[in-house]
Amino acid sequence: MAITPFVIFLIPIAGMLMVLGIVGIVFWYKARERELQVHQDMRIREMEHQRKMKEMELELEKTRSRQSADKVV
């Protein structure tokens, strides 16, 4: 089998494409990991916010009940 100029040209290009493919996959994987980490952090912040809002609601209800108790007495 004779090596044609096309094959000689194709081998380096295939090697470069393989390297680009590997680098692309690695970058995609890292970006996906960062995206999942951001979503997890956002979920944690959301849960903390909900907890703080519930605490504030309880404080508000306590204050209202004290005020209503003071008005009655």
Protein backbone atom coordinates (compact mmCIF):
# COMPACT_ATOMS: atom_id res chain seq x y z
CA MET A 1 0.00 0.00 0.00
CA ALA A 2 1.50 3.28 -1.06
CA ILE A 3 1.31 6.27 1.25
CA THR A 4 -0.47 8.98 -0.62
CA PRO A 5 -0.06 12.69 0.06
CA PHE A 6 -3.64 12.68 1.36
CA VAL A 7 -2.74 10.15 4.11
CA ILE A 8 0.41 12.09 5.01
CA PHE A 9 -1.76 15.21 5.37
CA LEU A 10 -4.52 13.38 7.25
CA ILE A 11 -2.39 11.85 10.06
CA PRO A 12 -1.24 15.14 11.69
CA ILE A 13 -4.72 16.64 11.36
CA ALA A 14 -6.27 13.58 13.01
CA GLY A 15 -3.72 13.85 15.84
CA MET A 16 -4.55 17.53 16.37
CA LEU A 17 -8.27 16.83 16.31
CA MET A 18 -7.81 14.09 18.89
CA VAL A 19 -5.95 16.48 21.21
CA LEU A 20 -8.61 19.15 20.69
CA GLY A 21 -11.31 16.59 21.43
CA ILE A 22 -9.65 15.52 24.67
CA VAL A 23 -9.12 19.13 25.79
CA GLY A 24 -12.75 19.95 24.91
CA ILE A 25 -14.05 17.01 26.93
CA VAL A 26 -11.93 17.97 29.95
CA PHE A 27 -13.11 21.59 29.81
CA TRP A 28 -16.73 20.49 29.43
CA TYR A 29 -16.39 18.16 32.44
CA LYS A 30 -14.87 20.90 34.61
CA ALA A 31 -17.54 23.39 33.53
CA ARG A 32 -20.26 20.87 34.38
CA GLU A 33 -18.70 20.28 37.81
CA ARG A 34 -18.64 24.03 38.47
CA GLU A 35 -22.25 24.35 37.33
CA LEU A 36 -23.37 21.58 39.68
CA GLN A 37 -21.40 23.19 42.54
CA VAL A 38 -23.09 26.55 41.88
CA HIS A 39 -26.53 24.90 41.90
CA GLN A 40 -25.71 23.15 45.17
CA ASP A 41 -24.51 26.41 46.73
CA MET A 42 -27.66 28.19 45.54
CA ARG A 43 -29.83 25.46 47.06
CA ILE A 44 -27.99 25.75 50.38
CA ARG A 45 -28.44 29.54 50.37
CA GLU A 46 -32.13 29.12 49.54
CA MET A 47 -32.60 26.73 52.46
CA GLU A 48 -30.79 29.12 54.82
CA HIS A 49 -32.98 31.97 53.59
CA GLN A 50 -36.14 29.96 54.19
CA ARG A 51 -34.94 29.09 57.70
CA LYS A 52 -34.26 32.76 58.47
CA MET A 53 -37.66 33.77 57.11
CA LYS A 54 -39.38 31.21 59.36
CA GLU A 55 -37.43 32.50 62.35
CA MET A 56 -38.48 36.06 61.51
CA GLU A 57 -42.12 34.99 61.17
CA LEU A 58 -41.96 33.33 64.59
CA GLU A 59 -40.44 36.46 66.12
CA LEU A 60 -43.15 38.57 64.50
CA GLU A 61 -45.90 36.31 65.85
CA LYS A 62 -44.33 36.41 69.34
CA THR A 63 -44.21 40.19 69.19
CA ARG A 64 -47.82 40.38 68.02
CA SER A 65 -48.97 38.01 70.74
CA ARG A 66 -47.13 40.06 73.38
CA GLN A 67 -48.67 43.26 72.07
CA SER A 68 -52.15 41.76 72.06
CA ALA A 69 -51.57 40.38 75.58
CA ASP A 70 -50.42 43.81 76.75
CA LYS A 71 -53.54 45.42 75.25
CA VAL A 72 -55.79 42.95 77.06
CA VAL A 73 -54.18 43.56 80.46
